[in-house]
Amino acid sequence: DTPGDVAPWGASVLQAHRQLIALRRRYRWLVTAT
């Protein structure tokens, strides 16, 4: 029903997603980068 009900086993993966998505948002030019 809620994100809080998800088992904690994937906490490190979730942290990596938040960090890497934040990086993507900081460097907006990545959208067309080669």
ModelCIF file with pLDDT and N, C-alpha, C, O atoms, coordinates in Angstrom:
data_MODEL
#
_entry.id   MODEL 
#
_entity.id                         1 
_entity.type                       polymer 
_entity.pdbx_number_of_molecules   1 
#
_entity_poly.entity_id                      1 
_entity_poly.type                           'polypeptide(L)' 
_entity_poly.nstd_linkage                   no 
_entity_poly.nstd_monomer                   no 
_entity_poly.pdbx_seq_one_letter_code       DTPGDVAPWGASVLQAHRQLIALRRRYRWLVTAT 
_entity_poly.pdbx_seq_one_letter_code_can   DTPGDVAPWGASVLQAHRQLIALRRRYRWLVTAT 
_entity_poly.pdbx_strand_id                 A 
#
loop_
_entity_poly_seq.entity_id 
_entity_poly_seq.num 
_entity_poly_seq.mon_id 
_entity_poly_seq.hetero 
1 1  ASP n 
1 2  THR n 
1 3  PRO n 
1 4  GLY n 
1 5  ASP n 
1 6  VAL n 
1 7  ALA n 
1 8  PRO n 
1 9  TRP n 
1 10 GLY n 
1 11 ALA n 
1 12 SER n 
1 13 VAL n 
1 14 LEU n 
1 15 GLN n 
1 16 ALA n 
1 17 HIS n 
1 18 ARG n 
1 19 GLN n 
1 20 LEU n 
1 21 ILE n 
1 22 ALA n 
1 23 LEU n 
1 24 ARG n 
1 25 ARG n 
1 26 ARG n 
1 27 TYR n 
1 28 ARG n 
1 29 TRP n 
1 30 LEU n 
1 31 VAL n 
1 32 THR n 
1 33 ALA n 
1 34 THR n 
#
_struct_asym.id          A 
_struct_asym.entity_id   1 
#
loop_
_ma_qa_metric.id 
_ma_qa_metric.mode 
_ma_qa_metric.name 
_ma_qa_metric.software_group_id 
_ma_qa_metric.type 
1 global pLDDT . pLDDT 
2 local  pLDDT . pLDDT 
#
_ma_qa_metric_global.metric_id      1 
_ma_qa_metric_global.metric_value   96.47 
_ma_qa_metric_global.model_id       1 
_ma_qa_metric_global.ordinal_id     1 
#
loop_
_ma_qa_metric_local.label_asym_id 
_ma_qa_metric_local.label_comp_id 
_ma_qa_metric_local.label_seq_id 
_ma_qa_metric_local.metric_id 
_ma_qa_metric_local.metric_value 
_ma_qa_metric_local.model_id 
_ma_qa_metric_local.ordinal_id 
A ASP 1  2 97.00 1 1  
A THR 2  2 97.00 1 2  
A PRO 3  2 97.00 1 3  
A GLY 4  2 95.00 1 4  
A ASP 5  2 96.00 1 5  
A VAL 6  2 96.00 1 6  
A ALA 7  2 92.00 1 7  
A PRO 8  2 92.00 1 8  
A TRP 9  2 91.00 1 9  
A GLY 10 2 92.00 1 10 
A ALA 11 2 95.00 1 11 
A SER 12 2 95.00 1 12 
A VAL 13 2 97.00 1 13 
A LEU 14 2 97.00 1 14 
A GLN 15 2 97.00 1 15 
A ALA 16 2 98.00 1 16 
A HIS 17 2 98.00 1 17 
A ARG 18 2 98.00 1 18 
A GLN 19 2 98.00 1 19 
A LEU 20 2 98.00 1 20 
A ILE 21 2 98.00 1 21 
A ALA 22 2 98.00 1 22 
A LEU 23 2 98.00 1 23 
A ARG 24 2 98.00 1 24 
A ARG 25 2 97.00 1 25 
A ARG 26 2 97.00 1 26 
A TYR 27 2 97.00 1 27 
A ARG 28 2 96.00 1 28 
A TRP 29 2 97.00 1 29 
A LEU 30 2 98.00 1 30 
A VAL 31 2 97.00 1 31 
A THR 32 2 97.00 1 32 
A ALA 33 2 98.00 1 33 
A THR 34 2 98.00 1 34 
#
loop_
_atom_site.group_PDB 
_atom_site.id 
_atom_site.type_symbol 
_atom_site.label_atom_id 
_atom_site.label_alt_id 
_atom_site.label_comp_id 
_atom_site.label_asym_id 
_atom_site.label_entity_id 
_atom_site.label_seq_id 
_atom_site.pdbx_PDB_ins_code 
_atom_site.Cartn_x 
_atom_site.Cartn_y 
_atom_site.Cartn_z 
_atom_site.occupancy 
_atom_site.B_iso_or_equiv 
_atom_site.pdbx_formal_charge 
_atom_site.auth_seq_id 
_atom_site.auth_comp_id 
_atom_site.auth_asym_id 
_atom_site.auth_atom_id 
_atom_site.pdbx_PDB_model_num 
ATOM 1   N N  . ASP A 1 1  ? 0.809  -1.218 0.000   1.00 97.00 ? 1  ASP A N  1 
ATOM 2   C CA . ASP A 1 1  ? 0.000  0.000  0.000   1.00 97.00 ? 1  ASP A CA 1 
ATOM 3   C C  . ASP A 1 1  ? 0.838  1.263  0.000   1.00 97.00 ? 1  ASP A C  1 
ATOM 4   O O  . ASP A 1 1  ? 0.460  2.256  -0.620  1.00 97.00 ? 1  ASP A O  1 
ATOM 5   N N  . THR A 1 2  ? 1.975  1.240  0.687   1.00 97.00 ? 2  THR A N  1 
ATOM 6   C CA . THR A 1 2  ? 2.824  2.422  0.781   1.00 97.00 ? 2  THR A CA 1 
ATOM 7   C C  . THR A 1 2  ? 4.284  2.022  0.625   1.00 97.00 ? 2  THR A C  1 
ATOM 8   O O  . THR A 1 2  ? 4.627  0.857  0.829   1.00 97.00 ? 2  THR A O  1 
ATOM 9   N N  . PRO A 1 3  ? 5.147  2.964  0.269   1.00 97.00 ? 3  PRO A N  1 
ATOM 10  C CA . PRO A 1 3  ? 6.581  2.652  0.175   1.00 97.00 ? 3  PRO A CA 1 
ATOM 11  C C  . PRO A 1 3  ? 7.163  2.179  1.493   1.00 97.00 ? 3  PRO A C  1 
ATOM 12  O O  . PRO A 1 3  ? 8.116  1.399  1.507   1.00 97.00 ? 3  PRO A O  1 
ATOM 13  N N  . GLY A 1 4  ? 6.598  2.643  2.605   1.00 95.00 ? 4  GLY A N  1 
ATOM 14  C CA . GLY A 1 4  ? 7.096  2.234  3.908   1.00 95.00 ? 4  GLY A CA 1 
ATOM 15  C C  . GLY A 1 4  ? 6.892  0.763  4.199   1.00 95.00 ? 4  GLY A C  1 
ATOM 16  O O  . GLY A 1 4  ? 7.511  0.211  5.109   1.00 95.00 ? 4  GLY A O  1 
ATOM 17  N N  . ASP A 1 5  ? 6.016  0.122  3.421   1.00 96.00 ? 5  ASP A N  1 
ATOM 18  C CA . ASP A 1 5  ? 5.751  -1.303 3.632   1.00 96.00 ? 5  ASP A CA 1 
ATOM 19  C C  . ASP A 1 5  ? 6.691  -2.206 2.838   1.00 96.00 ? 5  ASP A C  1 
ATOM 20  O O  . ASP A 1 5  ? 6.602  -3.429 2.945   1.00 96.00 ? 5  ASP A O  1 
ATOM 21  N N  . VAL A 1 6  ? 7.587  -1.625 2.046   1.00 96.00 ? 6  VAL A N  1 
ATOM 22  C CA . VAL A 1 6  ? 8.538  -2.419 1.267   1.00 96.00 ? 6  VAL A CA 1 
ATOM 23  C C  . VAL A 1 6  ? 9.609  -2.975 2.212   1.00 96.00 ? 6  VAL A C  1 
ATOM 24  O O  . VAL A 1 6  ? 10.096 -2.263 3.091   1.00 96.00 ? 6  VAL A O  1 
ATOM 25  N N  . ALA A 1 7  ? 9.967  -4.228 2.032   1.00 92.00 ? 7  ALA A N  1 
ATOM 26  C CA . ALA A 1 7  ? 11.011 -4.839 2.849   1.00 92.00 ? 7  ALA A CA 1 
ATOM 27  C C  . ALA A 1 7  ? 12.311 -4.067 2.691   1.00 92.00 ? 7  ALA A C  1 
ATOM 28  O O  . ALA A 1 7  ? 12.586 -3.539 1.614   1.00 92.00 ? 7  ALA A O  1 
ATOM 29  N N  . PRO A 1 8  ? 13.120 -3.992 3.752   1.00 92.00 ? 8  PRO A N  1 
ATOM 30  C CA . PRO A 1 8  ? 14.322 -3.143 3.739   1.00 92.00 ? 8  PRO A CA 1 
ATOM 31  C C  . PRO A 1 8  ? 15.517 -3.729 3.015   1.00 92.00 ? 8  PRO A C  1 
ATOM 32  O O  . PRO A 1 8  ? 16.579 -3.106 2.995   1.00 92.00 ? 8  PRO A O  1 
ATOM 33  N N  . TRP A 1 9  ? 15.385 -4.897 2.425   1.00 91.00 ? 9  TRP A N  1 
ATOM 34  C CA . TRP A 1 9  ? 16.543 -5.575 1.844   1.00 91.00 ? 9  TRP A CA 1 
ATOM 35  C C  . TRP A 1 9  ? 17.204 -4.777 0.729   1.00 91.00 ? 9  TRP A C  1 
ATOM 36  O O  . TRP A 1 9  ? 18.416 -4.879 0.536   1.00 91.00 ? 9  TRP A O  1 
ATOM 37  N N  . GLY A 1 10 ? 16.434 -3.990 -0.004  1.00 92.00 ? 10 GLY A N  1 
ATOM 38  C CA . GLY A 1 10 ? 17.007 -3.252 -1.125  1.00 92.00 ? 10 GLY A CA 1 
ATOM 39  C C  . GLY A 1 10 ? 17.384 -1.823 -0.794  1.00 92.00 ? 10 GLY A C  1 
ATOM 40  O O  . GLY A 1 10 ? 17.445 -0.983 -1.692  1.00 92.00 ? 10 GLY A O  1 
ATOM 41  N N  . ALA A 1 11 ? 17.641 -1.521 0.479   1.00 95.00 ? 11 ALA A N  1 
ATOM 42  C CA . ALA A 1 11 ? 17.913 -0.145 0.891   1.00 95.00 ? 11 ALA A CA 1 
ATOM 43  C C  . ALA A 1 11 ? 19.121 0.436  0.175   1.00 95.00 ? 11 ALA A C  1 
ATOM 44  O O  . ALA A 1 11 ? 19.101 1.610  -0.198  1.00 95.00 ? 11 ALA A O  1 
ATOM 45  N N  . SER A 1 12 ? 20.165 -0.346 -0.027  1.00 95.00 ? 12 SER A N  1 
ATOM 46  C CA . SER A 1 12 ? 21.364 0.179  -0.684  1.00 95.00 ? 12 SER A CA 1 
ATOM 47  C C  . SER A 1 12 ? 21.102 0.486  -2.155  1.00 95.00 ? 12 SER A C  1 
ATOM 48  O O  . SER A 1 12 ? 21.655 1.440  -2.702  1.00 95.00 ? 12 SER A O  1 
ATOM 49  N N  . VAL A 1 13 ? 20.255 -0.328 -2.795  1.00 97.00 ? 13 VAL A N  1 
ATOM 50  C CA . VAL A 1 13 ? 19.901 -0.077 -4.187  1.00 97.00 ? 13 VAL A CA 1 
ATOM 51  C C  . VAL A 1 13 ? 19.072 1.201  -4.297  1.00 97.00 ? 13 VAL A C  1 
ATOM 52  O O  . VAL A 1 13 ? 19.268 2.001  -5.212  1.00 97.00 ? 13 VAL A O  1 
ATOM 53  N N  . LEU A 1 14 ? 18.149 1.383  -3.363  1.00 97.00 ? 14 LEU A N  1 
ATOM 54  C CA . LEU A 1 14 ? 17.338 2.601  -3.347  1.00 97.00 ? 14 LEU A CA 1 
ATOM 55  C C  . LEU A 1 14 ? 18.219 3.828  -3.156  1.00 97.00 ? 14 LEU A C  1 
ATOM 56  O O  . LEU A 1 14 ? 18.031 4.842  -3.827  1.00 97.00 ? 14 LEU A O  1 
ATOM 57  N N  . GLN A 1 15 ? 19.181 3.736  -2.241  1.00 97.00 ? 15 GLN A N  1 
ATOM 58  C CA . GLN A 1 15 ? 20.087 4.854  -2.016  1.00 97.00 ? 15 GLN A CA 1 
ATOM 59  C C  . GLN A 1 15 ? 20.864 5.194  -3.286  1.00 97.00 ? 15 GLN A C  1 
ATOM 60  O O  . GLN A 1 15 ? 21.030 6.367  -3.622  1.00 97.00 ? 15 GLN A O  1 
ATOM 61  N N  . ALA A 1 16 ? 21.340 4.165  -3.990  1.00 98.00 ? 16 ALA A N  1 
ATOM 62  C CA . ALA A 1 16 ? 22.077 4.396  -5.234  1.00 98.00 ? 16 ALA A CA 1 
ATOM 63  C C  . ALA A 1 16 ? 21.188 5.069  -6.269  1.00 98.00 ? 16 ALA A C  1 
ATOM 64  O O  . ALA A 1 16 ? 21.643 5.968  -6.976  1.00 98.00 ? 16 ALA A O  1 
ATOM 65  N N  . HIS A 1 17 ? 19.924 4.651  -6.373  1.00 98.00 ? 17 HIS A N  1 
ATOM 66  C CA . HIS A 1 17 ? 19.000 5.294  -7.316  1.00 98.00 ? 17 HIS A CA 1 
ATOM 67  C C  . HIS A 1 17 ? 18.841 6.768  -6.993  1.00 98.00 ? 17 HIS A C  1 
ATOM 68  O O  . HIS A 1 17 ? 18.903 7.610  -7.889  1.00 98.00 ? 17 HIS A O  1 
ATOM 69  N N  . ARG A 1 18 ? 18.640 7.085  -5.731  1.00 98.00 ? 18 ARG A N  1 
ATOM 70  C CA . ARG A 1 18 ? 18.459 8.487  -5.363  1.00 98.00 ? 18 ARG A CA 1 
ATOM 71  C C  . ARG A 1 18 ? 19.711 9.298  -5.681  1.00 98.00 ? 18 ARG A C  1 
ATOM 72  O O  . ARG A 1 18 ? 19.619 10.424 -6.171  1.00 98.00 ? 18 ARG A O  1 
ATOM 73  N N  . GLN A 1 19 ? 20.877 8.725  -5.403  1.00 98.00 ? 19 GLN A N  1 
ATOM 74  C CA . GLN A 1 19 ? 22.119 9.450  -5.651  1.00 98.00 ? 19 GLN A CA 1 
ATOM 75  C C  . GLN A 1 19 ? 22.366 9.664  -7.146  1.00 98.00 ? 19 GLN A C  1 
ATOM 76  O O  . GLN A 1 19 ? 22.731 10.759 -7.574  1.00 98.00 ? 19 GLN A O  1 
ATOM 77  N N  . LEU A 1 20 ? 22.164 8.620  -7.924  1.00 98.00 ? 20 LEU A N  1 
ATOM 78  C CA . LEU A 1 20 ? 22.464 8.720  -9.356  1.00 98.00 ? 20 LEU A CA 1 
ATOM 79  C C  . LEU A 1 20 ? 21.431 9.562  -10.092 1.00 98.00 ? 20 LEU A C  1 
ATOM 80  O O  . LEU A 1 20 ? 21.772 10.265 -11.043 1.00 98.00 ? 20 LEU A O  1 
ATOM 81  N N  . ILE A 1 21 ? 20.178 9.499  -9.668  1.00 98.00 ? 21 ILE A N  1 
ATOM 82  C CA . ILE A 1 21 ? 19.171 10.368 -10.279 1.00 98.00 ? 21 ILE A CA 1 
ATOM 83  C C  . ILE A 1 21 ? 19.449 11.820 -9.903  1.00 98.00 ? 21 ILE A C  1 
ATOM 84  O O  . ILE A 1 21 ? 19.278 12.718 -10.727 1.00 98.00 ? 21 ILE A O  1 
ATOM 85  N N  . ALA A 1 22 ? 19.879 12.056 -8.659  1.00 98.00 ? 22 ALA A N  1 
ATOM 86  C CA . ALA A 1 22 ? 20.245 13.417 -8.252  1.00 98.00 ? 22 ALA A CA 1 
ATOM 87  C C  . ALA A 1 22 ? 21.412 13.934 -9.087  1.00 98.00 ? 22 ALA A C  1 
ATOM 88  O O  . ALA A 1 22 ? 21.435 15.102 -9.473  1.00 98.00 ? 22 ALA A O  1 
ATOM 89  N N  . LEU A 1 23 ? 22.379 13.065 -9.364  1.00 98.00 ? 23 LEU A N  1 
ATOM 90  C CA . LEU A 1 23 ? 23.493 13.458 -10.229 1.00 98.00 ? 23 LEU A CA 1 
ATOM 91  C C  . LEU A 1 23 ? 22.985 13.833 -11.609 1.00 98.00 ? 23 LEU A C  1 
ATOM 92  O O  . LEU A 1 23 ? 23.412 14.830 -12.192 1.00 98.00 ? 23 LEU A O  1 
ATOM 93  N N  . ARG A 1 24 ? 22.085 13.038 -12.116 1.00 98.00 ? 24 ARG A N  1 
ATOM 94  C CA . ARG A 1 24 ? 21.510 13.309 -13.441 1.00 98.00 ? 24 ARG A CA 1 
ATOM 95  C C  . ARG A 1 24 ? 20.827 14.666 -13.465 1.00 98.00 ? 24 ARG A C  1 
ATOM 96  O O  . ARG A 1 24 ? 20.928 15.397 -14.450 1.00 98.00 ? 24 ARG A O  1 
ATOM 97  N N  . ARG A 1 25 ? 20.146 15.001 -12.404 1.00 97.00 ? 25 ARG A N  1 
ATOM 98  C CA . ARG A 1 25 ? 19.441 16.286 -12.355 1.00 97.00 ? 25 ARG A CA 1 
ATOM 99  C C  . ARG A 1 25 ? 20.421 17.450 -12.189 1.00 97.00 ? 25 ARG A C  1 
ATOM 100 O O  . ARG A 1 25 ? 20.173 18.548 -12.687 1.00 97.00 ? 25 ARG A O  1 
ATOM 101 N N  . ARG A 1 26 ? 21.529 17.210 -11.490 1.00 97.00 ? 26 ARG A N  1 
ATOM 102 C CA . ARG A 1 26 ? 22.525 18.282 -11.339 1.00 97.00 ? 26 ARG A CA 1 
ATOM 103 C C  . ARG A 1 26 ? 23.172 18.617 -12.675 1.00 97.00 ? 26 ARG A C  1 
ATOM 104 O O  . ARG A 1 26 ? 23.393 19.784 -12.999 1.00 97.00 ? 26 ARG A O  1 
ATOM 105 N N  . TYR A 1 27 ? 23.471 17.582 -13.441 1.00 97.00 ? 27 TYR A N  1 
ATOM 106 C CA . TYR A 1 27 ? 24.140 17.771 -14.726 1.00 97.00 ? 27 TYR A CA 1 
ATOM 107 C C  . TYR A 1 27 ? 23.113 17.599 -15.846 1.00 97.00 ? 27 TYR A C  1 
ATOM 108 O O  . TYR A 1 27 ? 23.062 16.561 -16.505 1.00 97.00 ? 27 TYR A O  1 
ATOM 109 N N  . ARG A 1 28 ? 22.311 18.620 -16.046 1.00 96.00 ? 28 ARG A N  1 
ATOM 110 C CA . ARG A 1 28 ? 21.195 18.538 -16.986 1.00 96.00 ? 28 ARG A CA 1 
ATOM 111 C C  . ARG A 1 28 ? 21.664 18.318 -18.412 1.00 96.00 ? 28 ARG A C  1 
ATOM 112 O O  . ARG A 1 28 ? 20.911 17.815 -19.245 1.00 96.00 ? 28 ARG A O  1 
ATOM 113 N N  . TRP A 1 29 ? 22.891 18.689 -18.696 1.00 97.00 ? 29 TRP A N  1 
ATOM 114 C CA . TRP A 1 29 ? 23.425 18.529 -20.048 1.00 97.00 ? 29 TRP A CA 1 
ATOM 115 C C  . TRP A 1 29 ? 23.603 17.068 -20.425 1.00 97.00 ? 29 TRP A C  1 
ATOM 116 O O  . TRP A 1 29 ? 23.816 16.768 -21.600 1.00 97.00 ? 29 TRP A O  1 
ATOM 117 N N  . LEU A 1 30 ? 23.523 16.153 -19.471 1.00 98.00 ? 30 LEU A N  1 
ATOM 118 C CA . LEU A 1 30 ? 23.696 14.734 -19.771 1.00 98.00 ? 30 LEU A CA 1 
ATOM 119 C C  . LEU A 1 30 ? 22.657 14.221 -20.766 1.00 98.00 ? 30 LEU A C  1 
ATOM 120 O O  . LEU A 1 30 ? 22.891 13.209 -21.427 1.00 98.00 ? 30 LEU A O  1 
ATOM 121 N N  . VAL A 1 31 ? 21.537 14.887 -20.882 1.00 97.00 ? 31 VAL A N  1 
ATOM 122 C CA . VAL A 1 31 ? 20.464 14.394 -21.742 1.00 97.00 ? 31 VAL A CA 1 
ATOM 123 C C  . VAL A 1 31 ? 20.915 14.244 -23.194 1.00 97.00 ? 31 VAL A C  1 
ATOM 124 O O  . VAL A 1 31 ? 20.423 13.368 -23.905 1.00 97.00 ? 31 VAL A O  1 
ATOM 125 N N  . THR A 1 32 ? 21.836 15.083 -23.636 1.00 97.00 ? 32 THR A N  1 
ATOM 126 C CA . THR A 1 32 ? 22.318 14.988 -25.018 1.00 97.00 ? 32 THR A CA 1 
ATOM 127 C C  . THR A 1 32 ? 23.818 14.706 -25.082 1.00 97.00 ? 32 THR A C  1 
ATOM 128 O O  . THR A 1 32 ? 24.441 14.898 -26.127 1.00 97.00 ? 32 THR A O  1 
ATOM 129 N N  . ALA A 1 33 ? 24.398 14.254 -23.976 1.00 98.00 ? 33 ALA A N  1 
ATOM 130 C CA . ALA A 1 33 ? 25.840 14.027 -23.916 1.00 98.00 ? 33 ALA A CA 1 
ATOM 131 C C  . ALA A 1 33 ? 26.248 12.786 -24.703 1.00 98.00 ? 33 ALA A C  1 
ATOM 132 O O  . ALA A 1 33 ? 25.460 11.856 -24.873 1.00 98.00 ? 33 ALA A O  1 
ATOM 133 N N  . THR A 1 34 ? 27.487 12.787 -25.178 1.00 98.00 ? 34 THR A N  1 
ATOM 134 C CA . THR A 1 34 ? 28.053 11.631 -25.872 1.00 98.00 ? 34 THR A CA 1 
ATOM 135 C C  . THR A 1 34 ? 29.220 11.072 -25.064 1.00 98.00 ? 34 THR A C  1 
ATOM 136 O O  . THR A 1 34 ? 29.841 10.091 -25.473 1.00 98.00 ? 34 THR A O  1 
#
